[in-house]
Protein backbone atom coordinates (compact mmCIF):
# COMPACT_ATOMS: atom_id res chain seq x y z
CA MET A 1 -1.69 0.17 11.83
CA SER A 2 -0.47 1.34 8.37
CA ASP A 3 2.51 3.18 8.74
CA PRO A 4 3.77 5.90 6.16
CA THR A 5 7.63 5.28 7.07
CA LEU A 6 7.63 1.83 4.82
CA LEU A 7 7.53 4.28 1.98
CA ALA A 8 10.36 6.41 3.17
CA ARG A 9 14.19 6.82 2.70
CA PRO A 10 16.35 5.32 5.81
CA SER A 11 16.67 9.37 6.33
CA GLY A 12 12.83 9.65 6.98
CA GLY A 13 12.15 11.65 3.43
CA PHE A 14 10.38 9.95 0.65
CA ALA A 15 11.38 9.67 -2.89
CA MET A 16 8.74 8.04 -4.63
CA LEU A 17 8.17 7.37 -8.35
CA ALA A 18 4.75 7.79 -10.40
CA VAL A 19 4.00 5.83 -13.16
CA ASP A 20 0.23 5.49 -12.94
CA GLN A 21 -0.40 8.33 -15.40
CA ARG A 22 -2.88 7.11 -17.66
CA GLU A 23 -4.59 9.16 -20.85
CA ALA A 24 -2.22 11.42 -20.51
CA LEU A 25 1.14 9.60 -20.49
CA ARG A 26 -0.67 8.24 -23.69
CA ASP A 27 -0.73 11.62 -25.24
CA MET A 28 2.65 12.24 -23.68
CA MET A 29 4.12 9.33 -25.77
CA ALA A 30 1.83 10.25 -28.83
CA ARG A 31 3.07 13.08 -29.31
CA ALA A 32 7.17 12.44 -28.48
CA ARG A 33 7.19 9.34 -31.14
CA SER A 34 4.60 10.91 -33.44
CA THR A 35 2.68 7.79 -33.84
CA ASP A 36 -0.43 6.38 -31.65
CA ILE A 37 0.06 4.97 -28.97
CA SER A 38 -1.25 1.61 -27.61
CA ASP A 39 -2.13 -0.19 -24.31
CA ALA A 40 0.13 -2.73 -24.72
CA ASP A 41 2.79 0.25 -25.66
CA MET A 42 1.82 1.80 -22.45
CA THR A 43 2.23 -0.99 -20.19
CA GLU A 44 5.70 -1.76 -21.67
CA PHE A 45 6.61 1.98 -20.81
CA LYS A 46 5.48 0.91 -17.21
CA VAL A 47 7.47 -2.05 -16.44
CA SER A 48 10.75 -1.04 -18.01
CA ALA A 49 10.39 2.48 -15.66
CA ALA A 50 10.08 0.22 -13.13
CA ARG A 51 12.36 -2.40 -13.61
CA THR A 52 15.34 0.10 -14.23
CA LEU A 53 14.08 3.07 -11.75
CA THR A 54 12.62 1.23 -8.93
CA PRO A 55 16.23 0.47 -7.27
CA TYR A 56 16.36 3.71 -6.56
CA ALA A 57 13.10 5.29 -5.56
CA SER A 58 11.60 4.75 -1.94
CA ALA A 59 8.44 3.44 -3.68
CA VAL A 60 6.13 3.35 -7.25
CA LEU A 61 2.82 4.06 -7.75
CA ILE A 62 1.12 2.11 -10.34
CA ASP A 63 -2.15 2.48 -11.86
CA THR A 64 -4.38 -1.09 -12.29
CA ASP A 65 -5.96 0.01 -15.68
CA PHE A 66 -1.96 -0.59 -17.78
CA GLY A 67 0.70 -1.43 -15.27
CA TRP A 68 0.20 -2.99 -11.95
CA ASP A 69 -0.57 -6.70 -13.07
CA ALA A 70 1.95 -6.49 -15.59
CA ALA A 71 4.66 -5.19 -13.03
CA VAL A 72 4.05 -7.28 -10.20
CA GLU A 73 4.02 -10.68 -12.37
CA GLN A 74 7.14 -9.93 -14.61
CA GLY A 75 9.02 -9.10 -11.24
CA ALA A 76 9.54 -5.85 -11.87
CA VAL A 77 9.59 -3.83 -9.06
CA ASP A 78 12.90 -4.04 -7.36
CA PRO A 79 11.88 -5.40 -3.52
CA SER A 80 13.62 -2.60 -1.76
CA CYS A 81 10.73 -0.02 -2.99
CA ALA A 82 7.61 -0.49 -1.61
CA LEU A 83 4.28 -0.42 -3.94
CA ILE A 84 1.41 2.26 -4.20
CA ALA A 85 -1.72 1.42 -5.94
CA ALA A 86 -3.64 3.68 -7.57
CA ALA A 87 -7.10 3.28 -6.23
CA ASP A 88 -8.67 6.23 -8.82
CA ARG A 89 -10.79 5.90 -11.17
CA PHE A 90 -10.55 8.57 -13.91
CA VAL A 91 -13.00 9.74 -16.35
CA ALA A 92 -12.12 12.57 -18.89
CA GLY A 93 -14.41 15.09 -20.44
CA ASN A 94 -14.45 18.99 -21.81
CA GLY A 95 -10.95 18.23 -23.30
CA GLU A 96 -9.45 17.31 -19.99
CA PHE A 97 -7.51 13.48 -19.83
CA VAL A 98 -9.51 13.19 -15.82
CA ARG A 99 -12.51 15.87 -15.62
CA GLU A 100 -13.69 13.40 -12.99
CA ALA A 101 -11.69 11.32 -10.76
CA THR A 102 -13.63 8.87 -7.99
CA PHE A 103 -12.35 6.38 -5.32
CA ASP A 104 -12.74 2.87 -7.53
CA THR A 105 -14.65 0.76 -5.07
CA SER A 106 -14.56 -1.94 -7.64
CA LEU A 107 -11.18 -2.95 -6.98
CA ASP A 108 -9.67 -5.93 -5.54
CA TYR A 109 -7.73 -4.28 -2.90
CA GLU A 110 -7.16 -7.20 -0.93
CA ARG A 111 -6.12 -9.17 -3.92
CA MET A 112 -3.41 -5.70 -3.92
CA LYS A 113 -2.25 -6.34 -0.46
CA SER A 114 -1.68 -9.77 -0.94
CA GLN A 115 0.59 -8.86 -4.02
CA GLY A 116 2.41 -6.66 -1.80
CA ALA A 117 0.71 -3.33 -2.09
CA LYS A 118 1.50 -1.35 1.03
CA ALA A 119 -0.56 1.93 0.29
CA LEU A 120 -3.30 3.41 -2.18
CA LYS A 121 -3.22 6.85 -3.47
CA LEU A 122 -6.41 8.86 -4.26
CA LEU A 123 -6.81 11.53 -6.93
CA VAL A 124 -9.12 14.81 -5.58
CA LEU A 125 -9.86 17.35 -8.14
CA TRP A 126 -10.29 20.58 -6.44
CA ARG A 127 -12.59 22.97 -8.02
CA GLU A 128 -14.03 26.25 -6.20
CA ASP A 129 -17.65 25.49 -8.24
CA GLN A 130 -18.00 22.25 -6.74
CA ASP A 131 -19.04 20.89 -3.54
CA PRO A 132 -16.99 20.70 -1.22
CA GLN A 133 -18.32 18.03 1.20
CA GLN A 134 -18.64 15.54 -1.82
CA ARG A 135 -14.56 16.12 -1.59
CA ILE A 136 -14.26 15.81 2.36
CA ASP A 137 -16.73 12.78 2.49
CA GLU A 138 -14.91 11.26 -0.40
CA VAL A 139 -11.69 11.32 1.64
CA ARG A 140 -12.99 10.51 4.90
CA ARG A 141 -14.19 6.91 2.61
CA PHE A 142 -11.06 6.44 1.10
CA VAL A 143 -8.86 6.83 4.29
CA ALA A 144 -11.53 4.81 6.33
CA ALA A 145 -11.01 1.71 3.82
CA CYS A 146 -7.30 2.49 3.89
CA ARG A 147 -7.36 1.79 7.76
CA GLU A 148 -9.53 -0.96 7.06
CA LEU A 149 -7.00 -2.60 5.10
CA ASP A 150 -4.14 -1.75 7.31
CA LEU A 151 -2.56 0.56 4.42
CA VAL A 152 -1.19 3.28 4.00
CA SER A 153 -3.29 6.61 2.56
CA ILE A 154 -1.98 8.86 0.20
CA ILE A 155 -4.44 11.44 -0.86
CA GLU A 156 -3.45 13.86 -3.89
CA PRO A 157 -5.93 16.91 -4.22
CA VAL A 158 -4.70 18.83 -7.33
CA SER A 159 -6.22 22.17 -8.22
CA ARG A 160 -8.39 22.81 -11.65
CA GLY A 161 -10.31 25.14 -13.08
CA ARG A 162 -14.33 25.29 -12.50
CA TRP A 163 -16.79 23.45 -14.41
CA ASP A 164 -18.93 26.27 -15.04
CA GLY A 165 -15.67 27.79 -17.41
CA ALA A 166 -16.01 31.08 -15.34
CA PRO A 167 -12.55 32.90 -14.67
CA THR A 168 -10.67 31.37 -11.26
CA ASP A 169 -7.76 31.71 -9.44
CA VAL A 170 -6.50 28.12 -10.06
CA GLU A 171 -2.91 28.77 -7.94
CA ALA A 172 -5.31 29.83 -5.28
CA GLY A 173 -7.34 26.50 -5.04
CA VAL A 174 -3.86 25.08 -3.77
CA LEU A 175 -3.67 26.15 -0.66
CA ALA A 176 -7.21 26.30 -0.27
CA ALA A 177 -7.52 22.28 -0.94
CA ALA A 178 -4.78 22.14 2.16
CA LYS A 179 -6.74 23.84 3.87
CA GLU A 180 -10.13 21.80 3.21
CA LEU A 181 -8.47 18.33 3.00
CA GLY A 182 -5.16 18.29 4.72
CA ASP A 183 -6.47 17.66 8.29
CA LEU A 184 -8.96 14.57 7.31
CA GLY A 185 -6.71 11.30 8.36
CA ALA A 186 -4.78 10.61 4.96
CA ASP A 187 -1.69 9.28 6.00
CA ILE A 188 0.19 11.19 3.42
CA TYR A 189 -0.46 14.30 1.44
CA LYS A 190 0.65 14.84 -2.04
CA ALA A 191 0.55 18.40 -3.51
CA GLU A 192 1.16 20.58 -6.35
CA VAL A 193 4.10 22.82 -6.28
CA PRO A 194 3.05 26.25 -5.12
CA PHE A 195 3.10 28.48 -8.19
CA LYS A 196 4.24 25.43 -10.35
CA GLY A 197 7.81 26.41 -9.22
CA ALA A 198 7.93 29.32 -11.43
CA GLU A 199 8.15 32.10 -9.07
CA SER A 200 10.75 33.14 -6.46
CA ASP A 201 12.41 30.85 -4.39
CA GLU A 202 11.19 33.05 -1.34
CA ARG A 203 7.32 33.59 -2.83
CA VAL A 204 7.36 29.29 -3.18
CA HIS A 205 9.02 28.84 0.32
CA ASP A 206 6.98 31.02 2.01
CA ALA A 207 3.42 29.49 0.26
CA CYS A 208 4.79 26.20 1.08
CA ARG A 209 4.83 27.41 4.54
CA GLU A 210 1.69 27.66 4.76
CA LEU A 211 0.87 23.98 2.86
CA THR A 212 2.61 22.90 5.89
CA ASP A 213 0.35 24.98 8.47
CA SER A 214 -2.79 23.46 6.88
CA ILE A 215 -1.60 19.39 6.32
CA ASN A 216 -1.62 17.83 9.76
CA GLY A 217 0.97 14.85 8.45
CA PRO A 218 3.78 14.45 6.07
CA TRP A 219 3.23 15.57 2.55
CA VAL A 220 5.18 15.67 -0.47
CA VAL A 221 5.32 16.98 -3.90
CA LEU A 222 4.26 16.46 -7.19
CA SER A 223 6.20 17.50 -10.65
CA SER A 224 3.25 17.89 -12.97
CA GLY A 225 3.18 21.26 -14.57
CA VAL A 226 7.03 22.22 -13.41
CA ASP A 227 10.06 22.55 -15.62
CA ALA A 228 11.73 19.49 -15.17
CA ASP A 229 15.63 21.62 -14.90
CA ARG A 230 13.33 23.46 -11.98
CA PHE A 231 11.78 20.85 -9.79
CA PRO A 232 15.03 19.27 -8.29
CA GLU A 233 15.37 23.27 -6.53
CA ALA A 234 11.65 23.04 -6.33
CA VAL A 235 11.71 19.67 -3.63
CA GLY A 236 14.69 21.59 -1.60
CA ILE A 237 12.76 24.55 -1.16
CA ALA A 238 9.67 22.49 -0.41
CA CYS A 239 11.56 20.54 2.29
CA ARG A 240 13.24 23.24 3.82
CA ALA A 241 9.68 24.56 4.21
CA GLY A 242 8.29 21.54 6.20
CA ALA A 243 7.50 18.74 3.20
CA SER A 244 8.86 15.77 3.46
CA GLY A 245 10.05 14.47 -0.49
CA PHE A 246 8.17 13.89 -3.69
CA LEU A 247 6.42 11.58 -5.48
CA SER A 248 7.18 12.36 -9.20
CA GLY A 249 6.79 10.87 -12.27
CA ARG A 250 7.13 13.27 -15.42
CA ALA A 251 10.24 15.13 -13.85
CA VAL A 252 12.32 11.57 -13.69
CA TRP A 253 11.10 10.15 -17.16
CA ALA A 254 9.01 12.42 -19.46
CA SER A 255 11.73 13.69 -21.30
CA VAL A 256 12.98 9.95 -22.22
CA LEU A 257 9.26 8.93 -23.98
CA GLY A 258 10.58 9.68 -27.49
CA ALA A 259 13.93 8.42 -27.64
CA GLU A 260 15.33 5.52 -29.59
CA SER A 261 15.87 2.93 -27.04
CA VAL A 262 14.04 3.96 -23.65
CA ASP A 263 15.53 1.61 -21.47
CA ASP A 264 19.12 3.44 -22.45
CA GLU A 265 17.78 6.55 -22.13
CA LEU A 266 16.04 5.84 -18.90
CA ARG A 267 19.21 4.20 -17.54
CA THR A 268 21.43 7.54 -18.79
CA THR A 269 19.37 10.09 -17.66
CA SER A 270 16.57 9.10 -15.43
CA ILE A 271 18.50 7.05 -12.54
CA PRO A 272 20.79 10.29 -12.17
CA ARG A 273 17.55 12.35 -11.70
CA LEU A 274 16.04 10.41 -9.55
CA GLU A 275 19.12 9.83 -7.23
CA ARG A 276 19.84 13.85 -7.25
CA LEU A 277 15.99 14.13 -6.08
CA GLY A 278 16.73 11.48 -3.28
CA HIS A 279 19.61 13.18 -1.82
CA ILE A 280 17.86 16.78 -2.21
CA VAL A 281 15.26 15.44 -0.07
CA ASP A 282 17.99 13.30 2.91
CA ASP A 283 19.52 17.10 3.04
CA ASN A 284 17.04 19.06 3.40
CA ILE A 285 14.37 17.32 5.18
CA GLY A 286 13.75 19.31 8.88
CA ARG A 287 16.54 21.81 7.98
């Protein structure tokens, strides 16, 4: 059976790195460097980040579009770090880098498993005006496929605005998604930090407790939308409220994208951030 602890630190907590961003990463890099960004530029960054940071992560999430084969072929991932493959296909539209996300059944997951994959991740966009049964069925298909492959299943429900553009409480969708999808058998649930961490510690903690009550199994937080300086505190709050760690990219490496030497900045800035986050997880889970 798939075993989530394959992705964990000795403490049992998760300190997982994400480098599976696609067109959103291209945009971040373009803004940071004030130039057009090629596919090769993105691949180069992903491989560099994996090589530099995976000795300090319990697992790393990589996409097949721009990162997976290069990272595997170049041996960029530290042997101590478990490999997670992104199993989602993104479609842009209406001003969103990810208008739709679906389980990509065209990928060769047996091959990825032979290359070292221990887990798969699926992004699920939660929108108030979209059919919940469709989301539920998609997650169930994904979880069943992971079980068949004997790979850990990670789902990442993210609350987004309505397709019809009508006003909606996107923040309320974070909890609604957990209530809808948190008991469908996924091995790990990847959640947004409530309020993007911008509310008081008490409010964030209480909302995290609601997530814990709604999710059947371990859950971790992502860092998108959270101020990088606030994210370490948010991880501690979430872990004290029942979370088991993080699966994050932007809070670790986004600030180095425009550096003259990205490799140097990854070493001097991102490694300490990742180490600090790992210690926070160790110190706060189960408290």
